[in-house]
Structure formats: structure tokens, C-alpha cells
Amino acid sequence: MTINGLSADVSSGKGFYSGMVTDLSRFGLRLTDLRLKCDTNQRLSIVVSGQGKNFKILARPCWTKTDSTRKSVGVEIMNASWGWTEFVISLETASADVQRDVAV
């Protein structure tokens, strides 16, 4: 699902980079606005922050897209806390409630 207001601090073990989370699910994330030199060829340690919460996630890059100045990366979540799952479920529930209200 599309999301706004979540930042991501990403470490590849070789460097530390900041970006944004623009899509998420229980199993994956889309990270955007990363610097081009961000190494995304290996496992990533990611701290997702927003809405007064922080979540540490271990992820594996699945795809990368670059433009002239920035990089976007899709990652598969390999390990995250139960708190992350609860957070995503709460967003799914809120999204379903909004869609139900619009359909009525």
C-alpha cells in the first residue's frame, strides 16, 4: 500500500544512507530518494521511522531503479519485529475502513 511520512535509514555495512518509504506491506518495502552511490547489492539493515515509531528491519534487495540523481529500491523483508507486522496490519485496517466508507 502507498504510504507517506515514513523515513528510512539504510545501512549496507559499507555506508549509511537516508531515504523515504513510499510503499509497504508485511513482506516488503519500496525505498525512494536514496543517493545513487547507496550500495544495494547485498542485505540491508533498515530503520523505518514515522508516526512516533521506529522499526529495525533486515531486508534483501529485489530490484533497483535509478534516474539521473536518485535511486529507488524494492526490498523483501527477511526479518522484522512483531511490532512491524502489527503496524502494517493497523494501516491495512485503516485503509480498508476508508475504502468501505467510500463505497457506501
PDB file of N, CA and C in Angstrom:
ATOM      1  N   MET A   1       0.839  -1.180   0.000  1.00  0.00           N
ATOM      2  CA  MET A   1       0.000   0.000   0.000  1.00  0.00           C
ATOM      3  C   MET A   1       0.883   1.241   0.000  1.00  0.00           C
ATOM      4  N   THR A   2       0.369   2.286  -0.578  1.00  0.00           N
ATOM      5  CA  THR A   2       1.096   3.547  -0.628  1.00  0.00           C
ATOM      6  C   THR A   2       1.072   4.197   0.750  1.00  0.00           C
ATOM      7  N   ILE A   3       2.200   4.811   1.127  1.00  0.00           N
ATOM      8  CA  ILE A   3       2.317   5.431   2.450  1.00  0.00           C
ATOM      9  C   ILE A   3       3.100   6.735   2.329  1.00  0.00           C
ATOM     10  N   ASN A   4       2.797   7.687   3.182  1.00  0.00           N
ATOM     11  CA  ASN A   4       3.535   8.946   3.258  1.00  0.00           C
ATOM     12  C   ASN A   4       4.045   9.124   4.678  1.00  0.00           C
ATOM     13  N   GLY A   5       5.134   9.849   4.816  1.00  0.00           N
ATOM     14  CA  GLY A   5       5.601  10.246   6.138  1.00  0.00           C
ATOM     15  C   GLY A   5       6.475   9.240   6.858  1.00  0.00           C
ATOM     16  N   LEU A   6       6.987   8.220   6.158  1.00  0.00           N
ATOM     17  CA  LEU A   6       7.906   7.282   6.790  1.00  0.00           C
ATOM     18  C   LEU A   6       9.293   7.472   6.189  1.00  0.00           C
ATOM     19  N   SER A   7      10.275   7.677   7.041  1.00  0.00           N
ATOM     20  CA  SER A   7      11.651   7.801   6.576  1.00  0.00           C
ATOM     21  C   SER A   7      12.376   6.479   6.786  1.00  0.00           C
ATOM     22  N   ALA A   8      13.486   6.323   6.081  1.00  0.00           N
ATOM     23  CA  ALA A   8      14.275   5.105   6.189  1.00  0.00           C
ATOM     24  C   ALA A   8      15.749   5.461   6.293  1.00  0.00           C
ATOM     25  N   ASP A   9      16.414   4.905   7.286  1.00  0.00           N
ATOM     26  CA  ASP A   9      17.860   4.985   7.394  1.00  0.00           C
ATOM     27  C   ASP A   9      18.382   3.610   7.015  1.00  0.00           C
ATOM     28  N   VAL A  10      19.207   3.562   5.973  1.00  0.00           N
ATOM     29  CA  VAL A  10      19.620   2.306   5.358  1.00  0.00           C
ATOM     30  C   VAL A  10      21.128   2.130   5.508  1.00  0.00           C
ATOM     31  N   SER A  11      21.528   0.934   5.943  1.00  0.00           N
ATOM     32  CA  SER A  11      22.949   0.609   6.024  1.00  0.00           C
ATOM     33  C   SER A  11      23.210  -0.681   5.254  1.00  0.00           C
ATOM     34  N   SER A  12      24.231  -0.632   4.415  1.00  0.00           N
ATOM     35  CA  SER A  12      24.641  -1.809   3.653  1.00  0.00           C
ATOM     36  C   SER A  12      25.849  -2.478   4.300  1.00  0.00           C
ATOM     37  N   GLY A  13      26.323  -1.926   5.404  1.00  0.00           N
ATOM     38  CA  GLY A  13      27.552  -2.418   6.010  1.00  0.00           C
ATOM     39  C   GLY A  13      28.765  -1.660   5.484  1.00  0.00           C
ATOM     40  N   LYS A  14      28.582  -0.972   4.361  1.00  0.00           N
ATOM     41  CA  LYS A  14      29.668  -0.184   3.760  1.00  0.00           C
ATOM     42  C   LYS A  14      29.374   1.310   3.810  1.00  0.00           C
ATOM     43  N   GLY A  15      28.140   1.653   4.122  1.00  0.00           N
ATOM     44  CA  GLY A  15      27.754   3.049   4.154  1.00  0.00           C
ATOM     45  C   GLY A  15      26.392   3.202   4.795  1.00  0.00           C
ATOM     46  N   PHE A  16      26.017   4.449   5.049  1.00  0.00           N
ATOM     47  CA  PHE A  16      24.768   4.770   5.716  1.00  0.00           C
ATOM     48  C   PHE A  16      24.058   5.818   4.875  1.00  0.00           C
ATOM     49  N   TYR A  17      22.770   5.579   4.560  1.00  0.00           N
ATOM     50  CA  TYR A  17      22.031   6.444   3.657  1.00  0.00           C
ATOM     51  C   TYR A  17      20.626   6.686   4.199  1.00  0.00           C
ATOM     52  N   SER A  18      20.045   7.803   3.800  1.00  0.00           N
ATOM     53  CA  SER A  18      18.677   8.127   4.199  1.00  0.00           C
ATOM     54  C   SER A  18      17.787   8.185   2.972  1.00  0.00           C
ATOM     55  N   GLY A  19      16.525   7.812   3.162  1.00  0.00           N
ATOM     56  CA  GLY A  19      15.546   7.866   2.088  1.00  0.00           C
ATOM     57  C   GLY A  19      14.150   7.873   2.667  1.00  0.00           C
ATOM     58  N   MET A  20      13.180   7.539   1.837  1.00  0.00           N
ATOM     59  CA  MET A  20      11.781   7.512   2.239  1.00  0.00           C
ATOM     60  C   MET A  20      11.176   6.158   1.895  1.00  0.00           C
ATOM     61  N   VAL A  21      10.179   5.753   2.683  1.00  0.00           N
ATOM     62  CA  VAL A  21       9.382   4.566   2.367  1.00  0.00           C
ATOM     63  C   VAL A  21       8.109   5.084   1.698  1.00  0.00           C
ATOM     64  N   THR A  22       7.830   4.618   0.463  1.00  0.00           N
ATOM     65  CA  THR A  22       6.651   5.107  -0.247  1.00  0.00           C
ATOM     66  C   THR A  22       5.594   4.026  -0.476  1.00  0.00           C
ATOM     67  N   ASP A  23       5.986   2.765  -0.352  1.00  0.00           N
ATOM     68  CA  ASP A  23       5.050   1.642  -0.416  1.00  0.00           C
ATOM     69  C   ASP A  23       5.503   0.614   0.603  1.00  0.00           C
ATOM     70  N   LEU A  24       4.547  -0.088   1.199  1.00  0.00           N
ATOM     71  CA  LEU A  24       4.933  -1.116   2.162  1.00  0.00           C
ATOM     72  C   LEU A  24       3.907  -2.222   2.222  1.00  0.00           C
ATOM     73  N   SER A  25       4.358  -3.342   2.729  1.00  0.00           N
ATOM     74  CA  SER A  25       3.483  -4.472   3.033  1.00  0.00           C
ATOM     75  C   SER A  25       4.131  -5.219   4.194  1.00  0.00           C
ATOM     76  N   ARG A  26       3.519  -6.293   4.610  1.00  0.00           N
ATOM     77  CA  ARG A  26       4.115  -7.101   5.672  1.00  0.00           C
ATOM     78  C   ARG A  26       5.423  -7.731   5.209  1.00  0.00           C
ATOM     79  N   PHE A  27       5.602  -7.850   3.894  1.00  0.00           N
ATOM     80  CA  PHE A  27       6.727  -8.610   3.350  1.00  0.00           C
ATOM     81  C   PHE A  27       7.723  -7.793   2.550  1.00  0.00           C
ATOM     82  N   GLY A  28       7.450  -6.509   2.319  1.00  0.00           N
ATOM     83  CA  GLY A  28       8.369  -5.732   1.503  1.00  0.00           C
ATOM     84  C   GLY A  28       8.165  -4.231   1.631  1.00  0.00           C
ATOM     85  N   LEU A  29       9.144  -3.493   1.076  1.00  0.00           N
ATOM     86  CA  LEU A  29       9.133  -2.032   1.090  1.00  0.00           C
ATOM     87  C   LEU A  29       9.635  -1.502  -0.246  1.00  0.00           C
ATOM     88  N   ARG A  30       9.178  -0.304  -0.602  1.00  0.00           N
ATOM     89  CA  ARG A  30       9.834   0.442  -1.669  1.00  0.00           C
ATOM     90  C   ARG A  30      10.497   1.644  -1.020  1.00  0.00           C
ATOM     91  N   LEU A  31      11.809   1.717  -1.167  1.00  0.00           N
ATOM     92  CA  LEU A  31      12.588   2.831  -0.649  1.00  0.00           C
ATOM     93  C   LEU A  31      12.878   3.781  -1.803  1.00  0.00           C
ATOM     94  N   THR A  32      12.683   5.075  -1.588  1.00  0.00           N
ATOM     95  CA  THR A  32      12.944   6.067  -2.629  1.00  0.00           C
ATOM     96  C   THR A  32      13.839   7.157  -2.082  1.00  0.00           C
ATOM     97  N   ASP A  33      14.304   8.000  -2.978  1.00  0.00           N
ATOM     98  CA  ASP A  33      15.136   9.161  -2.651  1.00  0.00           C
ATOM     99  C   ASP A  33      16.479   8.773  -2.034  1.00  0.00           C
ATOM    100  N   LEU A  34      16.994   7.598  -2.391  1.00  0.00           N
ATOM    101  CA  LEU A  34      18.322   7.198  -1.924  1.00  0.00           C
ATOM    102  C   LEU A  34      19.377   7.797  -2.846  1.00  0.00           C
ATOM    103  N   ARG A  35      20.536   8.086  -2.301  1.00  0.00           N
ATOM    104  CA  ARG A  35      21.639   8.593  -3.112  1.00  0.00           C
ATOM    105  C   ARG A  35      22.080   7.512  -4.092  1.00  0.00           C
ATOM    106  N   LEU A  36      22.543   7.917  -5.244  1.00  0.00           N
ATOM    107  CA  LEU A  36      22.959   6.966  -6.274  1.00  0.00           C
ATOM    108  C   LEU A  36      24.055   6.022  -5.794  1.00  0.00           C
ATOM    109  N   LYS A  37      24.952   6.508  -4.941  1.00  0.00           N
ATOM    110  CA  LYS A  37      26.059   5.657  -4.513  1.00  0.00           C
ATOM    111  C   LYS A  37      25.678   4.673  -3.396  1.00  0.00           C
ATOM    112  N   CYS A  38      24.414   4.678  -2.999  1.00  0.00           N
ATOM    113  CA  CYS A  38      23.939   3.735  -1.987  1.00  0.00           C
ATOM    114  C   CYS A  38      24.125   2.312  -2.494  1.00  0.00           C
ATOM    115  N   ASP A  39      24.895   1.501  -1.783  1.00  0.00           N
ATOM    116  CA  ASP A  39      25.165   0.118  -2.170  1.00  0.00           C
ATOM    117  C   ASP A  39      23.955  -0.739  -1.822  1.00  0.00           C
ATOM    118  N   THR A  40      23.272  -1.224  -2.850  1.00  0.00           N
ATOM    119  CA  THR A  40      22.063  -2.025  -2.628  1.00  0.00           C
ATOM    120  C   THR A  40      22.204  -3.413  -3.250  1.00  0.00           C
ATOM    121  N   ASN A  41      23.407  -3.942  -3.257  1.00  0.00           N
ATOM    122  CA  ASN A  41      23.646  -5.249  -3.852  1.00  0.00           C
ATOM    123  C   ASN A  41      23.709  -6.365  -2.819  1.00  0.00           C
ATOM    124  N   GLN A  42      23.417  -6.068  -1.581  1.00  0.00           N
ATOM    125  CA  GLN A  42      23.511  -7.076  -0.531  1.00  0.00           C
ATOM    126  C   GLN A  42      22.427  -6.833   0.510  1.00  0.00           C
ATOM    127  N   ARG A  43      22.441  -7.610   1.565  1.00  0.00           N
ATOM    128  CA  ARG A  43      21.462  -7.409   2.638  1.00  0.00           C
ATOM    129  C   ARG A  43      21.575  -6.001   3.196  1.00  0.00           C
ATOM    130  N   LEU A  44      20.421  -5.469   3.569  1.00  0.00           N
ATOM    131  CA  LEU A  44      20.364  -4.111   4.103  1.00  0.00           C
ATOM    132  C   LEU A  44      19.749  -4.128   5.491  1.00  0.00           C
ATOM    133  N   SER A  45      20.301  -3.317   6.361  1.00  0.00           N
ATOM    134  CA  SER A  45      19.708  -3.066   7.661  1.00  0.00           C
ATOM    135  C   SER A  45      18.990  -1.722   7.541  1.00  0.00           C
ATOM    136  N   ILE A  46      17.698  -1.717   7.839  1.00  0.00           N
ATOM    137  CA  ILE A  46      16.879  -0.526   7.627  1.00  0.00           C
ATOM    138  C   ILE A  46      16.155  -0.177   8.916  1.00  0.00           C
ATOM    139  N   VAL A  47      16.186   1.098   9.278  1.00  0.00           N
ATOM    140  CA  VAL A  47      15.371   1.588  10.381  1.00  0.00           C
ATOM    141  C   VAL A  47      14.307   2.487   9.770  1.00  0.00           C
ATOM    142  N   VAL A  48      13.058   2.044   9.873  1.00  0.00           N
ATOM    143  CA  VAL A  48      11.918   2.807   9.367  1.00  0.00           C
ATOM    144  C   VAL A  48      11.361   3.622  10.526  1.00  0.00           C
ATOM    145  N   SER A  49      11.198   4.926  10.314  1.00  0.00           N
ATOM    146  CA  SER A  49      10.724   5.828  11.367  1.00  0.00           C
ATOM    147  C   SER A  49       9.550   6.655  10.874  1.00  0.00           C
ATOM    148  N   GLY A  50       8.563   6.821  11.756  1.00  0.00           N
ATOM    149  CA  GLY A  50       7.421   7.666  11.442  1.00  0.00           C
ATOM    150  C   GLY A  50       6.267   7.357  12.361  1.00  0.00           C
ATOM    151  N   GLN A  51       5.371   8.294  12.468  1.00  0.00           N
ATOM    152  CA  GLN A  51       4.186   8.164  13.322  1.00  0.00           C
ATOM    153  C   GLN A  51       4.582   7.817  14.758  1.00  0.00           C
ATOM    154  N   GLY A  52       5.725   8.360  15.201  1.00  0.00           N
ATOM    155  CA  GLY A  52       6.189   8.151  16.573  1.00  0.00           C
ATOM    156  C   GLY A  52       6.766   6.774  16.839  1.00  0.00           C
ATOM    157  N   LYS A  53       7.073   6.014  15.787  1.00  0.00           N
ATOM    158  CA  LYS A  53       7.571   4.653  15.962  1.00  0.00           C
ATOM    159  C   LYS A  53       8.832   4.437  15.137  1.00  0.00           C
ATOM    160  N   ASN A  54       9.660   3.479  15.573  1.00  0.00           N
ATOM    161  CA  ASN A  54      10.856   3.065  14.851  1.00  0.00           C
ATOM    162  C   ASN A  54      10.864   1.550  14.749  1.00  0.00           C
ATOM    163  N   PHE A  55      11.212   1.038  13.559  1.00  0.00           N
ATOM    164  CA  PHE A  55      11.259  -0.400  13.342  1.00  0.00           C
ATOM    165  C   PHE A  55      12.569  -0.767  12.660  1.00  0.00           C
ATOM    166  N   LYS A  56      13.286  -1.730  13.209  1.00  0.00           N
ATOM    167  CA  LYS A  56      14.506  -2.221  12.580  1.00  0.00           C
ATOM    168  C   LYS A  56      14.152  -3.440  11.738  1.00  0.00           C
ATOM    169  N   ILE A  57      14.597  -3.422  10.482  1.00  0.00           N
ATOM    170  CA  ILE A  57      14.249  -4.444   9.513  1.00  0.00           C
ATOM    171  C   ILE A  57      15.506  -4.906   8.787  1.00  0.00           C
ATOM    172  N   LEU A  58      15.643  -6.204   8.597  1.00  0.00           N
ATOM    173  CA  LEU A  58      16.690  -6.772   7.761  1.00  0.00           C
ATOM    174  C   LEU A  58      16.027  -7.146   6.444  1.00  0.00           C
ATOM    175  N   ALA A  59      16.600  -6.696   5.326  1.00  0.00           N
ATOM    176  CA  ALA A  59      15.937  -6.884   4.034  1.00  0.00           C
ATOM    177  C   ALA A  59      16.931  -7.265   2.937  1.00  0.00           C
ATOM    178  N   ARG A  60      16.370  -7.868   1.895  1.00  0.00           N
ATOM    179  CA  ARG A  60      17.140  -8.270   0.721  1.00  0.00           C
ATOM    180  C   ARG A  60      16.623  -7.480  -0.479  1.00  0.00           C
ATOM    181  N   PRO A  61      17.503  -6.754  -1.181  1.00  0.00           N
ATOM    182  CA  PRO A  61      17.071  -6.008  -2.364  1.00  0.00           C
ATOM    183  C   PRO A  61      16.570  -6.948  -3.459  1.00  0.00           C
ATOM    184  N   CYS A  62      15.472  -6.569  -4.106  1.00  0.00           N
ATOM    185  CA  CYS A  62      14.902  -7.354  -5.206  1.00  0.00           C
ATOM    186  C   CYS A  62      15.042  -6.632  -6.542  1.00  0.00           C
ATOM    187  N   TRP A  63      14.930  -5.320  -6.530  1.00  0.00           N
ATOM    188  CA  TRP A  63      15.067  -4.541  -7.755  1.00  0.00           C
ATOM    189  C   TRP A  63      15.570  -3.146  -7.424  1.00  0.00           C
ATOM    190  N   THR A  64      16.167  -2.509  -8.410  1.00  0.00           N
ATOM    191  CA  THR A  64      16.692  -1.154  -8.273  1.00  0.00           C
ATOM    192  C   THR A  64      16.329  -0.355  -9.510  1.00  0.00           C
ATOM    193  N   LYS A  65      15.935   0.883  -9.308  1.00  0.00           N
ATOM    194  CA  LYS A  65      15.647   1.798 -10.410  1.00  0.00           C
ATOM    195  C   LYS A  65      16.375   3.104 -10.125  1.00  0.00           C
ATOM    196  N   THR A  66      17.074   3.620 -11.108  1.00  0.00           N
ATOM    197  CA  THR A  66      17.796   4.878 -10.922  1.00  0.00           C
ATOM    198  C   THR A  66      17.343   5.895 -11.947  1.00  0.00           C
ATOM    199  N   ASP A  67      17.416   7.163 -11.541  1.00  0.00           N
ATOM    200  CA  ASP A  67      17.268   8.240 -12.508  1.00  0.00           C
ATOM    201  C   ASP A  67      18.569   9.040 -12.459  1.00  0.00           C
ATOM    202  N   SER A  68      18.572  10.244 -12.923  1.00  0.00           N
ATOM    203  CA  SER A  68      19.830  10.991 -13.011  1.00  0.00           C
ATOM    204  C   SER A  68      20.415  11.375 -11.656  1.00  0.00           C
ATOM    205  N   THR A  69      19.585  11.433 -10.612  1.00  0.00           N
ATOM    206  CA  THR A  69      20.101  11.902  -9.320  1.00  0.00           C
ATOM    207  C   THR A  69      19.795  11.006  -8.127  1.00  0.00           C
ATOM    208  N   ARG A  70      18.804  10.123  -8.232  1.00  0.00           N
ATOM    209  CA  ARG A  70      18.375   9.338  -7.071  1.00  0.00           C
ATOM    210  C   ARG A  70      18.135   7.881  -7.458  1.00  0.00           C
ATOM    211  N   LYS A  71      17.934   7.053  -6.427  1.00  0.00           N
ATOM    212  CA  LYS A  71      17.720   5.630  -6.615  1.00  0.00           C
ATOM    213  C   LYS A  71      16.496   5.189  -5.816  1.00  0.00           C
ATOM    214  N   SER A  72      15.733   4.246  -6.384  1.00  0.00           N
ATOM    215  CA  SER A  72      14.631   3.586  -5.686  1.00  0.00           C
ATOM    216  C   SER A  72      14.970   2.097  -5.619  1.00  0.00           C
ATOM    217  N   VAL A  73      14.598   1.460  -4.503  1.00  0.00           N
ATOM    218  CA  VAL A  73      14.924   0.056  -4.304  1.00  0.00           C
ATOM    219  C   VAL A  73      13.711  -0.644  -3.714  1.00  0.00           C
ATOM    220  N   GLY A  74      13.374  -1.796  -4.279  1.00  0.00           N
ATOM    221  CA  GLY A  74      12.357  -2.661  -3.707  1.00  0.00           C
ATOM    222  C   GLY A  74      13.058  -3.740  -2.904  1.00  0.00           C
ATOM    223  N   VAL A  75      12.623  -3.944  -1.664  1.00  0.00           N
ATOM    224  CA  VAL A  75      13.275  -4.943  -0.815  1.00  0.00           C
ATOM    225  C   VAL A  75      12.258  -5.934  -0.266  1.00  0.00           C
ATOM    226  N   GLU A  76      12.729  -7.152  -0.080  1.00  0.00           N
ATOM    227  CA  GLU A  76      11.960  -8.192   0.589  1.00  0.00           C
ATOM    228  C   GLU A  76      12.391  -8.223   2.047  1.00  0.00           C
ATOM    229  N   ILE A  77      11.440  -8.151   2.959  1.00  0.00           N
ATOM    230  CA  ILE A  77      11.754  -8.180   4.385  1.00  0.00           C
ATOM    231  C   ILE A  77      12.126  -9.605   4.781  1.00  0.00           C
ATOM    232  N   MET A  78      13.308  -9.753   5.346  1.00  0.00           N
ATOM    233  CA  MET A  78      13.783 -11.054   5.801  1.00  0.00           C
ATOM    234  C   MET A  78      13.528 -11.250   7.288  1.00  0.00           C
ATOM    235  N   ASN A  79      13.610 -10.153   8.033  1.00  0.00           N
ATOM    236  CA  ASN A  79      13.423 -10.229   9.477  1.00  0.00           C
ATOM    237  C   ASN A  79      12.932  -8.873   9.977  1.00  0.00           C
ATOM    238  N   ALA A  80      11.832  -8.904  10.705  1.00  0.00           N
ATOM    239  CA  ALA A  80      11.285  -7.687  11.314  1.00  0.00           C
ATOM    240  C   ALA A  80      10.575  -8.094  12.595  1.00  0.00           C
ATOM    241  N   SER A  81      10.398  -7.145  13.457  1.00  0.00           N
ATOM    242  CA  SER A  81       9.735  -7.422  14.737  1.00  0.00           C
ATOM    243  C   SER A  81       8.232  -7.633  14.542  1.00  0.00           C
ATOM    244  N   TRP A  82       7.612  -8.244  15.535  1.00  0.00           N
ATOM    245  CA  TRP A  82       6.162  -8.395  15.530  1.00  0.00           C
ATOM    246  C   TRP A  82       5.504  -7.018  15.516  1.00  0.00           C
ATOM    247  N   GLY A  83       6.155  -6.040  16.119  1.00  0.00           N
ATOM    248  CA  GLY A  83       5.623  -4.675  16.112  1.00  0.00           C
ATOM    249  C   GLY A  83       5.436  -4.138  14.698  1.00  0.00           C
ATOM    250  N   TRP A  84       6.342  -4.502  13.778  1.00  0.00           N
ATOM    251  CA  TRP A  84       6.208  -4.088  12.384  1.00  0.00           C
ATOM    252  C   TRP A  84       4.937  -4.684  11.777  1.00  0.00           C
ATOM    253  N   THR A  85       4.737  -5.971  12.008  1.00  0.00           N
ATOM    254  CA  THR A  85       3.552  -6.641  11.479  1.00  0.00           C
ATOM    255  C   THR A  85       2.287  -5.991  12.026  1.00  0.00           C
ATOM    256  N   GLU A  86       2.253  -5.707  13.311  1.00  0.00           N
ATOM    257  CA  GLU A  86       1.088  -5.045  13.914  1.00  0.00           C
ATOM    258  C   GLU A  86       0.866  -3.662  13.303  1.00  0.00           C
ATOM    259  N   PHE A  87       1.957  -2.924  13.067  1.00  0.00           N
ATOM    260  CA  PHE A  87       1.880  -1.598  12.462  1.00  0.00           C
ATOM    261  C   PHE A  87       1.255  -1.681  11.071  1.00  0.00           C
ATOM    262  N   VAL A  88       1.734  -2.613  10.245  1.00  0.00           N
ATOM    263  CA  VAL A  88       1.209  -2.757   8.882  1.00  0.00           C
ATOM    264  C   VAL A  88      -0.252  -3.196   8.916  1.00  0.00           C
ATOM    265  N   ILE A  89      -0.595  -4.129   9.805  1.00  0.00           N
ATOM    266  CA  ILE A  89      -1.995  -4.573   9.921  1.00  0.00           C
ATOM    267  C   ILE A  89      -2.895  -3.392  10.291  1.00  0.00           C
ATOM    268  N   SER A  90      -2.430  -2.529  11.186  1.00  0.00           N
ATOM    269  CA  SER A  90      -3.241  -1.362  11.574  1.00  0.00           C
ATOM    270  C   SER A  90      -3.458  -0.431  10.379  1.00  0.00           C
ATOM    271  N   LEU A  91      -2.439  -0.292   9.517  1.00  0.00           N
ATOM    272  CA  LEU A  91      -2.589   0.538   8.320  1.00  0.00           C
ATOM    273  C   LEU A  91      -3.532  -0.122   7.315  1.00  0.00           C
ATOM    274  N   GLU A  92      -3.442  -1.443   7.173  1.00  0.00           N
ATOM    275  CA  GLU A  92      -4.340  -2.174   6.277  1.00  0.00           C
ATOM    276  C   GLU A  92      -5.787  -2.016   6.731  1.00  0.00           C
ATOM    277  N   THR A  93      -6.011  -2.130   8.026  1.00  0.00           N
ATOM    278  CA  THR A  93      -7.354  -1.995   8.581  1.00  0.00           C
ATOM    279  C   THR A  93      -7.896  -0.593   8.344  1.00  0.00           C
ATOM    280  N   ALA A  94      -7.064   0.421   8.577  1.00  0.00           N
ATOM    281  CA  ALA A  94      -7.491   1.802   8.362  1.00  0.00           C
ATOM    282  C   ALA A  94      -7.805   2.040   6.884  1.00  0.00           C
ATOM    283  N   SER A  95      -6.983   1.486   5.993  1.00  0.00           N
ATOM    284  CA  SER A  95      -7.210   1.631   4.555  1.00  0.00           C
ATOM    285  C   SER A  95      -8.501   0.942   4.127  1.00  0.00           C
ATOM    286  N   ALA A  96      -8.767  -0.239   4.659  1.00  0.00           N
ATOM    287  CA  ALA A  96      -9.998  -0.964   4.338  1.00  0.00           C
ATOM    288  C   ALA A  96     -11.217  -0.192   4.825  1.00  0.00           C
ATOM    289  N   ASP A  97     -11.120   0.435   6.006  1.00  0.00           N
ATOM    290  CA  ASP A  97     -12.232   1.228   6.534  1.00  0.00           C
ATOM    291  C   ASP A  97     -12.529   2.409   5.620  1.00  0.00           C
ATOM    292  N   VAL A  98     -11.483   3.083   5.133  1.00  0.00           N
ATOM    293  CA  VAL A  98     -11.672   4.224   4.237  1.00  0.00           C
ATOM    294  C   VAL A  98     -12.307   3.767   2.931  1.00  0.00           C
ATOM    295  N   GLN A  99     -11.825   2.638   2.369  1.00  0.00           N
ATOM    296  CA  GLN A  99     -12.388   2.132   1.123  1.00  0.00           C
ATOM    297  C   GLN A  99     -13.858   1.736   1.303  1.00  0.00           C
ATOM    298  N   ARG A 100     -14.188   1.148   2.437  1.00  0.00           N
ATOM    299  CA  ARG A 100     -15.572   0.755   2.710  1.00  0.00           C
ATOM    300  C   ARG A 100     -16.453   1.999   2.796  1.00  0.00           C
ATOM    301  N   ASP A 101     -15.989   3.056   3.467  1.00  0.00           N
ATOM    302  CA  ASP A 101     -16.752   4.295   3.586  1.00  0.00           C
ATOM    303  C   ASP A 101     -16.978   4.949   2.225  1.00  0.00           C
ATOM    304  N   VAL A 102     -15.980   4.875   1.342  1.00  0.00           N
ATOM    305  CA  VAL A 102     -16.097   5.484   0.021  1.00  0.00           C
ATOM    306  C   VAL A 102     -17.109   4.707  -0.821  1.00  0.00           C
ATOM    307  N   ALA A 103     -17.141   3.390  -0.667  1.00  0.00           N
ATOM    308  CA  ALA A 103     -18.048   2.546  -1.454  1.00  0.00           C
ATOM    309  C   ALA A 103     -19.495   2.714  -1.038  1.00  0.00           C
ATOM    310  N   VAL A 104     -19.741   3.124   0.194  1.00  0.00           N
ATOM    311  CA  VAL A 104     -21.110   3.247   0.690  1.00  0.00           C
ATOM    312  C   VAL A 104     -21.780   4.440   0.161  1.00  0.00           C
TER     313      VAL A 104
END
